[in-house]
Amino acid sequence: MSIAAKLVAALATLLAPLPAFATHPGDTILIAGDSTASTYKGDRYPQTGWGQMLSCGLSPDLRVRNHAMGGRSTRTFLAEGRWEALLADMLPGDTVLIQFGHNDASRNRPQRWAPARTDYRDNLLRFIWDVRTAGGQPVLLTPVARRSFGPDGRAKADFADYSAVVRELAASTGTPLIDLDSLSRAWVDRAGRDGSARYYLHYGPQDHVPAFPKGISDDTHFSELGARQVADLVAGGLKALNLPVSARVLAQRPALTRATPLGRTECQ
């Protein structure tokens, strides 16, 4: 490329418009993930994703761009162009939270399945390097726990192989880690088998929930209260990482530590 062409290319980069939501580099947290993190419309309430509530634990000048989408694995997130869309939204200095595993483990759905030690690992590695190449800060999260109990009565790690790969990659690449698997299983254990049901989607016809008129028994997806509390686990994990963004995580997060649902997904 000639010097003149290089100058034209550089000028075009400088003059290119920033994403519409952008304020300043480093002012945004982006989320890549699945249904446990995604944002839901009001007609799905009380189903709520932790990414939908995360901003309630952050400084008001810090934005959240939630690209998480239900049913997606690392494989389909890439294949559908969702990863490229996230990168297009990212500015240098921004933080990208990456949480997959639930759908990667779906052997019965080949289009989603990404074996832990091969495709899943390789896809996560690509995510890490893509974010770093673009000047961002990747943060890996192990898969959030389901309401699932082992014979000992303790919360079970349903995605242990995937969590192990995430931990190993975080160590080998020097990528910050939020061990949401461990944090959320401890959270479920504290609530117990019966008490933890309110954090997930457990409603009967008698509850008259418009989104689930026939009732629902779902130990994977979160109620409003569950999403708030998982978002609090993520926020606490992010604050403990000592990254530049960590100082902008609120020390006190009352909107995420509520004992009763608010009845909507606003912070207050």
Protein backbone atom coordinates (compact mmCIF):
# COMPACT_ATOMS: atom_id res chain seq x y z
CA MET A 1 0.00 0.00 0.00
CA SER A 2 1.33 3.46 -0.91
CA ILE A 3 1.94 6.12 1.71
CA ALA A 4 -0.97 8.15 0.31
CA ALA A 5 -3.31 5.15 0.53
CA LYS A 6 -2.21 4.48 4.10
CA LEU A 7 -2.94 8.09 5.04
CA VAL A 8 -6.39 7.88 3.48
CA ALA A 9 -7.13 4.64 5.37
CA ALA A 10 -5.93 6.12 8.66
CA LEU A 11 -8.05 9.24 8.15
CA ALA A 12 -11.11 7.14 7.36
CA THR A 13 -10.61 5.24 10.62
CA LEU A 14 -10.34 8.45 12.62
CA LEU A 15 -13.46 9.93 11.00
CA ALA A 16 -15.57 6.76 11.25
CA PRO A 17 -18.62 7.31 13.48
CA LEU A 18 -18.60 5.70 16.87
CA PRO A 19 -21.37 3.22 17.72
CA ALA A 20 -24.57 5.11 18.53
CA PHE A 21 -24.53 4.07 22.20
CA ALA A 22 -20.87 4.94 22.80
CA THR A 23 -19.74 7.67 25.18
CA HIS A 24 -16.05 7.13 25.79
CA PRO A 25 -13.76 4.12 25.40
CA GLY A 26 -13.91 2.02 28.55
CA ASP A 27 -17.43 3.16 29.46
CA THR A 28 -19.15 -0.03 28.34
CA ILE A 29 -19.47 -3.61 29.54
CA LEU A 30 -20.55 -6.01 26.78
CA ILE A 31 -21.96 -9.47 27.46
CA ALA A 32 -21.63 -12.53 25.24
CA GLY A 33 -23.74 -15.40 26.50
CA ASP A 34 -26.91 -17.45 26.44
CA SER A 35 -30.44 -17.36 27.86
CA THR A 36 -29.26 -17.25 31.46
CA ALA A 37 -27.77 -13.81 30.79
CA SER A 38 -30.04 -12.42 28.07
CA THR A 39 -32.55 -9.59 28.23
CA TYR A 40 -36.27 -10.43 28.03
CA LYS A 41 -39.23 -8.35 26.98
CA GLY A 42 -41.94 -7.50 29.44
CA ASP A 43 -44.31 -10.17 28.17
CA ARG A 44 -41.84 -12.81 29.42
CA TYR A 45 -41.78 -11.49 33.00
CA PRO A 46 -40.86 -12.86 35.51
CA GLN A 47 -38.23 -14.57 33.32
CA THR A 48 -35.12 -12.41 33.60
CA GLY A 49 -31.47 -12.79 32.68
CA TRP A 50 -28.62 -11.75 34.95
CA GLY A 51 -27.22 -9.52 32.19
CA GLN A 52 -30.53 -7.67 32.16
CA MET A 53 -30.00 -6.65 35.79
CA LEU A 54 -26.23 -6.09 35.90
CA SER A 55 -26.40 -2.33 35.35
CA CYS A 56 -28.20 -2.01 38.70
CA GLY A 57 -24.90 -2.78 40.43
CA LEU A 58 -22.77 -0.37 38.43
CA SER A 59 -21.98 3.32 38.39
CA PRO A 60 -24.61 5.17 36.30
CA ASP A 61 -21.96 6.32 33.83
CA LEU A 62 -21.08 2.71 32.96
CA ARG A 63 -23.20 1.17 30.18
CA VAL A 64 -24.13 -2.46 29.62
CA ARG A 65 -24.60 -3.79 26.09
CA ASN A 66 -26.15 -7.21 26.47
CA HIS A 67 -25.57 -9.35 23.37
CA ALA A 68 -26.49 -12.60 25.17
CA MET A 69 -29.20 -14.57 23.38
CA GLY A 70 -31.24 -17.61 24.32
CA GLY A 71 -30.26 -20.95 22.86
CA ARG A 72 -26.80 -19.87 21.79
CA SER A 73 -23.56 -21.74 22.28
CA THR A 74 -20.10 -20.50 21.36
CA ARG A 75 -20.62 -22.28 18.04
CA THR A 76 -23.90 -20.59 17.10
CA PHE A 77 -22.89 -17.22 18.56
CA LEU A 78 -20.08 -17.22 16.00
CA ALA A 79 -22.02 -18.81 13.14
CA GLU A 80 -24.88 -16.30 13.37
CA GLY A 81 -22.58 -13.27 13.32
CA ARG A 82 -23.42 -12.29 16.89
CA TRP A 83 -19.77 -12.20 17.91
CA GLU A 84 -18.91 -9.87 15.02
CA ALA A 85 -21.81 -7.63 16.02
CA LEU A 86 -20.49 -7.46 19.58
CA LEU A 87 -17.00 -6.55 18.37
CA ALA A 88 -18.49 -3.80 16.21
CA ASP A 89 -20.10 -2.33 19.36
CA MET A 90 -16.88 -2.50 21.37
CA LEU A 91 -14.43 0.36 21.84
CA PRO A 92 -10.85 0.07 23.10
CA GLY A 93 -10.87 -0.16 26.88
CA ASP A 94 -14.33 -1.73 27.07
CA THR A 95 -14.89 -4.91 29.08
CA VAL A 96 -16.40 -8.06 27.55
CA LEU A 97 -17.97 -10.68 29.85
CA ILE A 98 -18.05 -14.12 28.20
CA GLN A 99 -20.29 -16.88 29.62
CA PHE A 100 -21.24 -19.99 27.67
CA GLY A 101 -21.55 -23.72 28.35
CA HIS A 102 -25.21 -24.62 28.80
CA ASN A 103 -25.92 -24.96 25.08
CA ASP A 104 -22.41 -26.03 24.12
CA ALA A 105 -23.12 -29.18 26.13
CA SER A 106 -26.24 -30.03 24.06
CA ARG A 107 -25.11 -33.23 22.32
CA ASN A 108 -28.65 -33.77 21.06
CA ARG A 109 -28.48 -30.52 19.10
CA PRO A 110 -25.48 -30.80 16.75
CA GLN A 111 -25.78 -27.23 15.54
CA ARG A 112 -25.12 -26.03 19.10
CA TRP A 113 -22.82 -28.70 20.45
CA ALA A 114 -19.23 -27.66 21.08
CA PRO A 115 -17.23 -30.35 22.92
CA ALA A 116 -15.55 -28.86 25.96
CA ARG A 117 -11.94 -29.77 25.24
CA THR A 118 -11.99 -28.96 21.52
CA ASP A 119 -14.48 -26.60 19.88
CA TYR A 120 -15.59 -24.86 23.07
CA ARG A 121 -12.00 -24.24 24.13
CA ASP A 122 -11.01 -23.02 20.66
CA ASN A 123 -14.01 -20.69 20.43
CA LEU A 124 -13.30 -19.16 23.82
CA LEU A 125 -9.67 -18.71 22.84
CA ARG A 126 -10.78 -16.85 19.72
CA PHE A 127 -13.04 -14.62 21.83
CA ILE A 128 -10.14 -13.77 24.13
CA TRP A 129 -7.74 -12.86 21.33
CA ASP A 130 -10.35 -10.95 19.31
CA VAL A 131 -11.18 -8.73 22.28
CA ARG A 132 -7.53 -8.15 23.11
CA THR A 133 -6.66 -7.39 19.49
CA ALA A 134 -9.40 -4.76 19.47
CA GLY A 135 -8.03 -3.21 22.66
CA GLY A 136 -10.70 -4.53 25.00
CA GLN A 137 -10.60 -6.46 28.26
CA PRO A 138 -12.02 -10.00 28.13
CA VAL A 139 -13.36 -11.57 31.32
CA LEU A 140 -14.25 -15.28 31.35
CA LEU A 141 -17.15 -16.65 33.39
CA THR A 142 -17.76 -20.30 34.16
CA PRO A 143 -21.35 -21.46 33.40
CA VAL A 144 -23.91 -20.38 35.97
CA ALA A 145 -25.44 -23.16 38.07
CA ARG A 146 -28.76 -24.81 37.48
CA ARG A 147 -31.03 -25.69 40.41
CA SER A 148 -29.72 -29.23 40.39
CA PHE A 149 -28.79 -31.32 43.42
CA GLY A 150 -26.58 -34.36 43.83
CA PRO A 151 -27.15 -37.40 46.09
CA ASP A 152 -25.47 -35.50 48.93
CA GLY A 153 -28.09 -32.78 48.73
CA ARG A 154 -25.59 -30.19 47.49
CA ALA A 155 -25.90 -28.12 44.32
CA LYS A 156 -24.41 -30.10 41.45
CA ALA A 157 -21.97 -28.86 38.79
CA ASP A 158 -23.90 -29.84 35.65
CA PHE A 159 -21.25 -28.36 33.37
CA ALA A 160 -18.10 -29.39 35.22
CA ASP A 161 -16.07 -30.14 32.07
CA TYR A 162 -16.91 -26.74 30.62
CA SER A 163 -16.11 -24.91 33.85
CA ALA A 164 -12.77 -26.74 34.02
CA VAL A 165 -11.86 -25.57 30.51
CA VAL A 166 -12.75 -21.97 31.37
CA ARG A 167 -10.60 -22.05 34.50
CA GLU A 168 -7.69 -23.59 32.60
CA LEU A 169 -7.93 -21.05 29.78
CA ALA A 170 -8.10 -18.16 32.24
CA ALA A 171 -4.90 -19.41 33.89
CA SER A 172 -3.00 -20.18 30.69
CA THR A 173 -3.89 -16.92 28.92
CA GLY A 174 -3.84 -14.61 31.93
CA THR A 175 -7.50 -13.73 31.40
CA PRO A 176 -9.49 -12.49 34.42
CA LEU A 177 -11.98 -15.06 35.69
CA ILE A 178 -15.29 -14.89 37.52
CA ASP A 179 -15.97 -18.43 38.71
CA LEU A 180 -19.74 -18.08 38.47
CA ASP A 181 -20.19 -21.85 38.63
CA SER A 182 -18.70 -21.98 42.14
CA LEU A 183 -20.32 -18.73 43.27
CA SER A 184 -23.80 -19.69 42.09
CA ARG A 185 -23.67 -23.24 43.44
CA ALA A 186 -22.77 -21.85 46.85
CA TRP A 187 -25.69 -19.41 46.49
CA VAL A 188 -28.09 -22.26 45.69
CA ASP A 189 -26.75 -24.26 48.62
CA ARG A 190 -27.33 -21.37 51.02
CA ALA A 191 -30.95 -21.15 49.91
CA GLY A 192 -31.47 -24.90 49.98
CA ARG A 193 -33.60 -27.13 47.80
CA ASP A 194 -36.88 -25.48 48.72
CA GLY A 195 -35.69 -21.91 49.19
CA SER A 196 -33.87 -21.78 45.86
CA ALA A 197 -37.04 -22.51 43.85
CA ARG A 198 -38.05 -18.84 43.94
CA TYR A 199 -34.84 -17.90 42.16
CA TYR A 200 -35.83 -19.98 39.14
CA LEU A 201 -39.07 -20.29 37.16
CA HIS A 202 -41.42 -22.27 39.38
CA TYR A 203 -45.03 -21.18 39.04
CA GLY A 204 -48.32 -23.03 38.94
CA PRO A 205 -51.57 -22.13 37.14
CA GLN A 206 -52.84 -20.79 40.45
CA ASP A 207 -50.13 -18.10 40.38
CA HIS A 208 -51.80 -16.51 37.32
CA VAL A 209 -48.51 -15.55 35.65
CA PRO A 210 -49.48 -14.23 32.18
CA ALA A 211 -46.27 -15.45 30.56
CA PHE A 212 -46.87 -18.99 31.86
CA PRO A 213 -50.65 -19.47 32.22
CA LYS A 214 -50.28 -23.25 32.54
CA GLY A 215 -47.42 -22.94 35.01
CA ILE A 216 -43.75 -23.73 34.58
CA SER A 217 -41.08 -25.76 36.36
CA ASP A 218 -37.69 -24.61 35.05
CA ASP A 219 -34.47 -25.07 36.99
CA THR A 220 -32.26 -23.32 34.43
CA HIS A 221 -33.74 -19.87 33.87
CA PHE A 222 -34.11 -17.18 36.48
CA SER A 223 -37.00 -15.30 37.99
CA GLU A 224 -36.60 -11.57 38.56
CA LEU A 225 -35.26 -12.22 42.06
CA GLY A 226 -32.86 -14.89 40.88
CA ALA A 227 -31.51 -12.73 38.06
CA ARG A 228 -30.93 -9.86 40.46
CA GLN A 229 -28.97 -12.05 42.84
CA VAL A 230 -26.88 -13.71 40.11
CA ALA A 231 -26.13 -10.25 38.73
CA ASP A 232 -24.93 -9.37 42.23
CA LEU A 233 -22.57 -12.37 42.14
CA VAL A 234 -21.21 -11.21 38.79
CA ALA A 235 -20.85 -7.63 39.98
CA GLY A 236 -19.06 -8.75 43.12
CA GLY A 237 -16.75 -10.95 41.09
CA LEU A 238 -15.99 -8.09 38.72
CA LYS A 239 -15.24 -5.71 41.58
CA ALA A 240 -12.78 -8.21 43.07
CA LEU A 241 -10.76 -8.45 39.85
CA ASN A 242 -9.01 -5.11 40.32
CA LEU A 243 -9.53 -4.09 36.70
CA PRO A 244 -10.07 -0.42 35.71
CA VAL A 245 -13.80 -1.11 35.50
CA SER A 246 -13.82 -2.66 38.99
CA ALA A 247 -13.80 0.76 40.65
CA ARG A 248 -17.11 1.50 38.92
CA VAL A 249 -18.91 -1.46 40.45
CA LEU A 250 -20.97 -0.23 43.41
CA ALA A 251 -19.83 -1.40 46.83
CA GLN A 252 -23.44 -1.52 48.01
CA ARG A 253 -25.93 -2.98 45.53
CA PRO A 254 -29.38 -2.91 47.19
CA ALA A 255 -31.22 -3.30 43.87
CA LEU A 256 -29.49 -6.66 43.41
CA THR A 257 -29.74 -7.94 46.95
CA ARG A 258 -33.49 -7.60 47.40
CA ALA A 259 -35.21 -10.31 49.42
CA THR A 260 -38.47 -9.88 47.52
CA PRO A 261 -39.16 -9.20 43.83
CA LEU A 262 -39.93 -5.68 42.74
CA GLY A 263 -42.47 -6.85 40.18
CA ARG A 264 -40.53 -5.40 37.27
CA THR A 265 -36.98 -5.39 35.96
CA GLU A 266 -36.05 -1.78 36.67
CA CYS A 267 -33.42 -1.19 39.32
CA GLN A 268 -35.77 0.54 41.75
